Amino acid sequence: MKKMEIILIPSSSGVIKVYIYGFGNGYGKVYATLNEVVATSKGYNVKRTILKALSKLNQSLINKEQ
């Protein structure tokens, strides 16, 4: 995987960092982090994979609060 992108999303509890690897030849990975919580997702569609990683991160944060 040669291609990499980083998206920074400011929020009230910190900065959400989204690392996007691959997708040059169709397949890639996405890592979403906030503080020390990390969520990963793999797939072929960039937008759908980013959304899956962000929803996993959200669910992890909700479960961590409880």
PDB file of N, CA and C in Angstrom:
ATOM      1  N   MET A   1       0.831  -1.170   0.000  1.00  0.00           N
ATOM      2  CA  MET A   1       0.000   0.000   0.000  1.00  0.00           C
ATOM      3  C   MET A   1       0.881   1.240   0.000  1.00  0.00           C
ATOM      4  N   LYS A   2       0.795   2.013  -1.026  1.00  0.00           N
ATOM      5  CA  LYS A   2       1.682   3.155  -1.172  1.00  0.00           C
ATOM      6  C   LYS A   2       1.004   4.476  -0.852  1.00  0.00           C
ATOM      7  N   LYS A   3      -0.286   4.585  -1.106  1.00  0.00           N
ATOM      8  CA  LYS A   3      -0.983   5.843  -0.931  1.00  0.00           C
ATOM      9  C   LYS A   3      -1.473   5.986   0.507  1.00  0.00           C
ATOM     10  N   MET A   4      -1.306   7.190   1.097  1.00  0.00           N
ATOM     11  CA  MET A   4      -1.784   7.446   2.446  1.00  0.00           C
ATOM     12  C   MET A   4      -2.346   8.852   2.528  1.00  0.00           C
ATOM     13  N   GLU A   5      -3.472   8.993   3.232  1.00  0.00           N
ATOM     14  CA  GLU A   5      -4.082  10.286   3.477  1.00  0.00           C
ATOM     15  C   GLU A   5      -4.425  10.387   4.947  1.00  0.00           C
ATOM     16  N   ILE A   6      -4.463  11.609   5.471  1.00  0.00           N
ATOM     17  CA  ILE A   6      -4.845  11.848   6.854  1.00  0.00           C
ATOM     18  C   ILE A   6      -5.936  12.908   6.867  1.00  0.00           C
ATOM     19  N   ILE A   7      -7.007  12.636   7.603  1.00  0.00           N
ATOM     20  CA  ILE A   7      -8.085  13.607   7.786  1.00  0.00           C
ATOM     21  C   ILE A   7      -8.149  13.931   9.271  1.00  0.00           C
ATOM     22  N   LEU A   8      -8.140  15.221   9.603  1.00  0.00           N
ATOM     23  CA  LEU A   8      -8.250  15.666  10.985  1.00  0.00           C
ATOM     24  C   LEU A   8      -9.613  16.314  11.177  1.00  0.00           C
ATOM     25  N   ILE A   9     -10.372  15.826  12.163  1.00  0.00           N
ATOM     26  CA  ILE A   9     -11.713  16.330  12.435  1.00  0.00           C
ATOM     27  C   ILE A   9     -11.747  16.858  13.855  1.00  0.00           C
ATOM     28  N   PRO A  10     -11.889  18.175  14.042  1.00  0.00           N
ATOM     29  CA  PRO A  10     -11.950  18.710  15.410  1.00  0.00           C
ATOM     30  C   PRO A  10     -13.299  18.381  16.057  1.00  0.00           C
ATOM     31  N   SER A  11     -13.261  18.050  17.345  1.00  0.00           N
ATOM     32  CA  SER A  11     -14.484  17.793  18.103  1.00  0.00           C
ATOM     33  C   SER A  11     -14.313  18.372  19.501  1.00  0.00           C
ATOM     34  N   SER A  12     -15.374  18.330  20.281  1.00  0.00           N
ATOM     35  CA  SER A  12     -15.318  18.916  21.626  1.00  0.00           C
ATOM     36  C   SER A  12     -14.432  18.113  22.576  1.00  0.00           C
ATOM     37  N   SER A  13     -14.239  16.826  22.301  1.00  0.00           N
ATOM     38  CA  SER A  13     -13.424  15.990  23.184  1.00  0.00           C
ATOM     39  C   SER A  13     -12.020  15.737  22.643  1.00  0.00           C
ATOM     40  N   GLY A  14     -11.631  16.382  21.560  1.00  0.00           N
ATOM     41  CA  GLY A  14     -10.290  16.219  20.995  1.00  0.00           C
ATOM     42  C   GLY A  14     -10.343  16.232  19.483  1.00  0.00           C
ATOM     43  N   VAL A  15      -9.262  15.803  18.866  1.00  0.00           N
ATOM     44  CA  VAL A  15      -9.168  15.754  17.405  1.00  0.00           C
ATOM     45  C   VAL A  15      -9.270  14.298  16.956  1.00  0.00           C
ATOM     46  N   ILE A  16     -10.215  14.023  16.068  1.00  0.00           N
ATOM     47  CA  ILE A  16     -10.360  12.691  15.488  1.00  0.00           C
ATOM     48  C   ILE A  16      -9.413  12.630  14.299  1.00  0.00           C
ATOM     49  N   LYS A  17      -8.521  11.652  14.309  1.00  0.00           N
ATOM     50  CA  LYS A  17      -7.568  11.469  13.220  1.00  0.00           C
ATOM     51  C   LYS A  17      -7.969  10.235  12.427  1.00  0.00           C
ATOM     52  N   VAL A  18      -8.096  10.393  11.119  1.00  0.00           N
ATOM     53  CA  VAL A  18      -8.483   9.295  10.236  1.00  0.00           C
ATOM     54  C   VAL A  18      -7.332   9.062   9.267  1.00  0.00           C
ATOM     55  N   TYR A  19      -6.706   7.900   9.361  1.00  0.00           N
ATOM     56  CA  TYR A  19      -5.594   7.519   8.485  1.00  0.00           C
ATOM     57  C   TYR A  19      -6.135   6.576   7.412  1.00  0.00           C
ATOM     58  N   ILE A  20      -5.904   6.906   6.155  1.00  0.00           N
ATOM     59  CA  ILE A  20      -6.428   6.135   5.033  1.00  0.00           C
ATOM     60  C   ILE A  20      -5.253   5.592   4.233  1.00  0.00           C
ATOM     61  N   TYR A  21      -5.158   4.267   4.137  1.00  0.00           N
ATOM     62  CA  TYR A  21      -4.066   3.598   3.422  1.00  0.00           C
ATOM     63  C   TYR A  21      -4.623   2.830   2.240  1.00  0.00           C
ATOM     64  N   GLY A  22      -3.933   2.886   1.118  1.00  0.00           N
ATOM     65  CA  GLY A  22      -4.276   2.055  -0.025  1.00  0.00           C
ATOM     66  C   GLY A  22      -5.324   2.683  -0.918  1.00  0.00           C
ATOM     67  N   PHE A  23      -6.223   1.874  -1.418  1.00  0.00           N
ATOM     68  CA  PHE A  23      -7.306   2.207  -2.330  1.00  0.00           C
ATOM     69  C   PHE A  23      -6.809   2.595  -3.717  1.00  0.00           C
ATOM     70  N   GLY A  24      -5.514   2.478  -3.980  1.00  0.00           N
ATOM     71  CA  GLY A  24      -5.000   2.751  -5.316  1.00  0.00           C
ATOM     72  C   GLY A  24      -5.411   1.670  -6.293  1.00  0.00           C
ATOM     73  N   ASN A  25      -5.362   0.433  -5.850  1.00  0.00           N
ATOM     74  CA  ASN A  25      -5.764  -0.694  -6.685  1.00  0.00           C
ATOM     75  C   ASN A  25      -7.073  -1.300  -6.190  1.00  0.00           C
ATOM     76  N   GLY A  26      -7.846  -0.525  -5.416  1.00  0.00           N
ATOM     77  CA  GLY A  26      -9.169  -0.972  -5.007  1.00  0.00           C
ATOM     78  C   GLY A  26      -9.306  -1.289  -3.539  1.00  0.00           C
ATOM     79  N   TYR A  27      -8.301  -1.884  -2.914  1.00  0.00           N
ATOM     80  CA  TYR A  27      -8.407  -2.348  -1.535  1.00  0.00           C
ATOM     81  C   TYR A  27      -7.649  -1.412  -0.608  1.00  0.00           C
ATOM     82  N   GLY A  28      -8.193  -1.171   0.588  1.00  0.00           N
ATOM     83  CA  GLY A  28      -7.500  -0.295   1.513  1.00  0.00           C
ATOM     84  C   GLY A  28      -7.935  -0.490   2.946  1.00  0.00           C
ATOM     85  N   LYS A  29      -7.274   0.238   3.850  1.00  0.00           N
ATOM     86  CA  LYS A  29      -7.560   0.188   5.279  1.00  0.00           C
ATOM     87  C   LYS A  29      -7.740   1.606   5.806  1.00  0.00           C
ATOM     88  N   VAL A  30      -8.586   1.734   6.840  1.00  0.00           N
ATOM     89  CA  VAL A  30      -8.823   3.013   7.482  1.00  0.00           C
ATOM     90  C   VAL A  30      -8.693   2.829   8.981  1.00  0.00           C
ATOM     91  N   TYR A  31      -7.924   3.722   9.627  1.00  0.00           N
ATOM     92  CA  TYR A  31      -7.779   3.743  11.080  1.00  0.00           C
ATOM     93  C   TYR A  31      -8.326   5.075  11.576  1.00  0.00           C
ATOM     94  N   ALA A  32      -9.259   5.038  12.516  1.00  0.00           N
ATOM     95  CA  ALA A  32      -9.807   6.247  13.116  1.00  0.00           C
ATOM     96  C   ALA A  32      -9.417   6.259  14.590  1.00  0.00           C
ATOM     97  N   THR A  33      -8.836   7.359  15.069  1.00  0.00           N
ATOM     98  CA  THR A  33      -8.376   7.443  16.454  1.00  0.00           C
ATOM     99  C   THR A  33      -8.913   8.704  17.122  1.00  0.00           C
ATOM    100  N   LEU A  34      -9.208   8.575  18.404  1.00  0.00           N
ATOM    101  CA  LEU A  34      -9.552   9.707  19.255  1.00  0.00           C
ATOM    102  C   LEU A  34      -8.973   9.401  20.616  1.00  0.00           C
ATOM    103  N   ASN A  35      -8.044  10.256  21.056  1.00  0.00           N
ATOM    104  CA  ASN A  35      -7.285  10.044  22.283  1.00  0.00           C
ATOM    105  C   ASN A  35      -6.571   8.700  22.195  1.00  0.00           C
ATOM    106  N   GLU A  36      -6.954   7.702  22.966  1.00  0.00           N
ATOM    107  CA  GLU A  36      -6.284   6.396  22.907  1.00  0.00           C
ATOM    108  C   GLU A  36      -7.166   5.304  22.319  1.00  0.00           C
ATOM    109  N   VAL A  37      -8.327   5.654  21.800  1.00  0.00           N
ATOM    110  CA  VAL A  37      -9.264   4.689  21.232  1.00  0.00           C
ATOM    111  C   VAL A  37      -9.033   4.616  19.723  1.00  0.00           C
ATOM    112  N   VAL A  38      -8.885   3.383  19.220  1.00  0.00           N
ATOM    113  CA  VAL A  38      -8.605   3.168  17.797  1.00  0.00           C
ATOM    114  C   VAL A  38      -9.654   2.211  17.221  1.00  0.00           C
ATOM    115  N   ALA A  39     -10.143   2.544  16.031  1.00  0.00           N
ATOM    116  CA  ALA A  39     -11.057   1.668  15.307  1.00  0.00           C
ATOM    117  C   ALA A  39     -10.519   1.484  13.894  1.00  0.00           C
ATOM    118  N   THR A  40     -10.611   0.260  13.380  1.00  0.00           N
ATOM    119  CA  THR A  40     -10.096  -0.030  12.035  1.00  0.00           C
ATOM    120  C   THR A  40     -11.203  -0.589  11.157  1.00  0.00           C
ATOM    121  N   SER A  41     -11.008  -0.426   9.859  1.00  0.00           N
ATOM    122  CA  SER A  41     -11.943  -0.967   8.888  1.00  0.00           C
ATOM    123  C   SER A  41     -11.193  -1.238   7.593  1.00  0.00           C
ATOM    124  N   LYS A  42     -11.588  -2.302   6.888  1.00  0.00           N
ATOM    125  CA  LYS A  42     -10.984  -2.659   5.606  1.00  0.00           C
ATOM    126  C   LYS A  42     -12.088  -2.704   4.560  1.00  0.00           C
ATOM    127  N   GLY A  43     -11.761  -2.353   3.317  1.00  0.00           N
ATOM    128  CA  GLY A  43     -12.769  -2.429   2.277  1.00  0.00           C
ATOM    129  C   GLY A  43     -12.273  -1.944   0.937  1.00  0.00           C
ATOM    130  N   TYR A  44     -13.211  -1.872   0.002  1.00  0.00           N
ATOM    131  CA  TYR A  44     -12.903  -1.469  -1.363  1.00  0.00           C
ATOM    132  C   TYR A  44     -13.422  -0.070  -1.687  1.00  0.00           C
ATOM    133  N   ASN A  45     -14.509   0.353  -1.031  1.00  0.00           N
ATOM    134  CA  ASN A  45     -15.083   1.667  -1.257  1.00  0.00           C
ATOM    135  C   ASN A  45     -14.557   2.624  -0.195  1.00  0.00           C
ATOM    136  N   VAL A  46     -13.916   3.720  -0.595  1.00  0.00           N
ATOM    137  CA  VAL A  46     -13.256   4.630   0.341  1.00  0.00           C
ATOM    138  C   VAL A  46     -14.259   5.259   1.296  1.00  0.00           C
ATOM    139  N   LYS A  47     -15.314   5.852   0.765  1.00  0.00           N
ATOM    140  CA  LYS A  47     -16.284   6.553   1.609  1.00  0.00           C
ATOM    141  C   LYS A  47     -16.965   5.608   2.590  1.00  0.00           C
ATOM    142  N   ARG A  48     -17.373   4.461   2.116  1.00  0.00           N
ATOM    143  CA  ARG A  48     -18.056   3.494   2.980  1.00  0.00           C
ATOM    144  C   ARG A  48     -17.116   2.971   4.072  1.00  0.00           C
ATOM    145  N   THR A  49     -15.865   2.763   3.746  1.00  0.00           N
ATOM    146  CA  THR A  49     -14.889   2.263   4.711  1.00  0.00           C
ATOM    147  C   THR A  49     -14.597   3.315   5.774  1.00  0.00           C
ATOM    148  N   ILE A  50     -14.502   4.587   5.377  1.00  0.00           N
ATOM    149  CA  ILE A  50     -14.305   5.662   6.357  1.00  0.00           C
ATOM    150  C   ILE A  50     -15.493   5.734   7.303  1.00  0.00           C
ATOM    151  N   LEU A  51     -16.703   5.649   6.764  1.00  0.00           N
ATOM    152  CA  LEU A  51     -17.897   5.701   7.606  1.00  0.00           C
ATOM    153  C   LEU A  51     -17.960   4.515   8.568  1.00  0.00           C
ATOM    154  N   LYS A  52     -17.564   3.333   8.106  1.00  0.00           N
ATOM    155  CA  LYS A  52     -17.553   2.166   8.999  1.00  0.00           C
ATOM    156  C   LYS A  52     -16.555   2.359  10.128  1.00  0.00           C
ATOM    157  N   ALA A  53     -15.380   2.889   9.835  1.00  0.00           N
ATOM    158  CA  ALA A  53     -14.373   3.110  10.876  1.00  0.00           C
ATOM    159  C   ALA A  53     -14.851   4.156  11.883  1.00  0.00           C
ATOM    160  N   LEU A  54     -15.477   5.228  11.396  1.00  0.00           N
ATOM    161  CA  LEU A  54     -15.980   6.257  12.300  1.00  0.00           C
ATOM    162  C   LEU A  54     -17.136   5.753  13.158  1.00  0.00           C
ATOM    163  N   SER A  55     -17.991   4.914  12.595  1.00  0.00           N
ATOM    164  CA  SER A  55     -19.090   4.365  13.398  1.00  0.00           C
ATOM    165  C   SER A  55     -18.572   3.374  14.439  1.00  0.00           C
ATOM    166  N   LYS A  56     -17.537   2.611  14.103  1.00  0.00           N
ATOM    167  CA  LYS A  56     -16.916   1.718  15.086  1.00  0.00           C
ATOM    168  C   LYS A  56     -16.262   2.516  16.209  1.00  0.00           C
ATOM    169  N   LEU A  57     -15.617   3.634  15.858  1.00  0.00           N
ATOM    170  CA  LEU A  57     -15.015   4.499  16.857  1.00  0.00           C
ATOM    171  C   LEU A  57     -16.084   5.075  17.778  1.00  0.00           C
ATOM    172  N   ASN A  58     -17.186   5.527  17.214  1.00  0.00           N
ATOM    173  CA  ASN A  58     -18.294   6.056  18.002  1.00  0.00           C
ATOM    174  C   ASN A  58     -18.839   5.001  18.958  1.00  0.00           C
ATOM    175  N   GLN A  59     -19.031   3.790  18.460  1.00  0.00           N
ATOM    176  CA  GLN A  59     -19.551   2.707  19.307  1.00  0.00           C
ATOM    177  C   GLN A  59     -18.560   2.363  20.419  1.00  0.00           C
ATOM    178  N   SER A  60     -17.281   2.376  20.131  1.00  0.00           N
ATOM    179  CA  SER A  60     -16.263   2.103  21.148  1.00  0.00           C
ATOM    180  C   SER A  60     -16.285   3.174  22.235  1.00  0.00           C
ATOM    181  N   LEU A  61     -16.457   4.430  21.831  1.00  0.00           N
ATOM    182  CA  LEU A  61     -16.512   5.517  22.815  1.00  0.00           C
ATOM    183  C   LEU A  61     -17.759   5.427  23.675  1.00  0.00           C
ATOM    184  N   ILE A  62     -18.881   5.045  23.078  1.00  0.00           N
ATOM    185  CA  ILE A  62     -20.124   4.877  23.849  1.00  0.00           C
ATOM    186  C   ILE A  62     -19.966   3.745  24.856  1.00  0.00           C
ATOM    187  N   ASN A  63     -19.378   2.622  24.421  1.00  0.00           N
ATOM    188  CA  ASN A  63     -19.180   1.485  25.324  1.00  0.00           C
ATOM    189  C   ASN A  63     -18.175   1.802  26.429  1.00  0.00           C
ATOM    190  N   LYS A  64     -17.196   2.640  26.130  1.00  0.00           N
ATOM    191  CA  LYS A  64     -16.177   3.007  27.119  1.00  0.00           C
ATOM    192  C   LYS A  64     -16.794   3.861  28.235  1.00  0.00           C
ATOM    193  N   GLU A  65     -17.768   4.710  27.886  1.00  0.00           N
ATOM    194  CA  GLU A  65     -18.412   5.570  28.874  1.00  0.00           C
ATOM    195  C   GLU A  65     -19.246   4.768  29.857  1.00  0.00           C
ATOM    196  N   GLN A  66     -19.843   3.668  29.423  1.00  0.00           N
ATOM    197  CA  GLN A  66     -20.749   2.894  30.281  1.00  0.00           C
ATOM    198  C   GLN A  66     -20.018   2.028  31.249  1.00  0.00           C
TER     199      GLN A  66
END
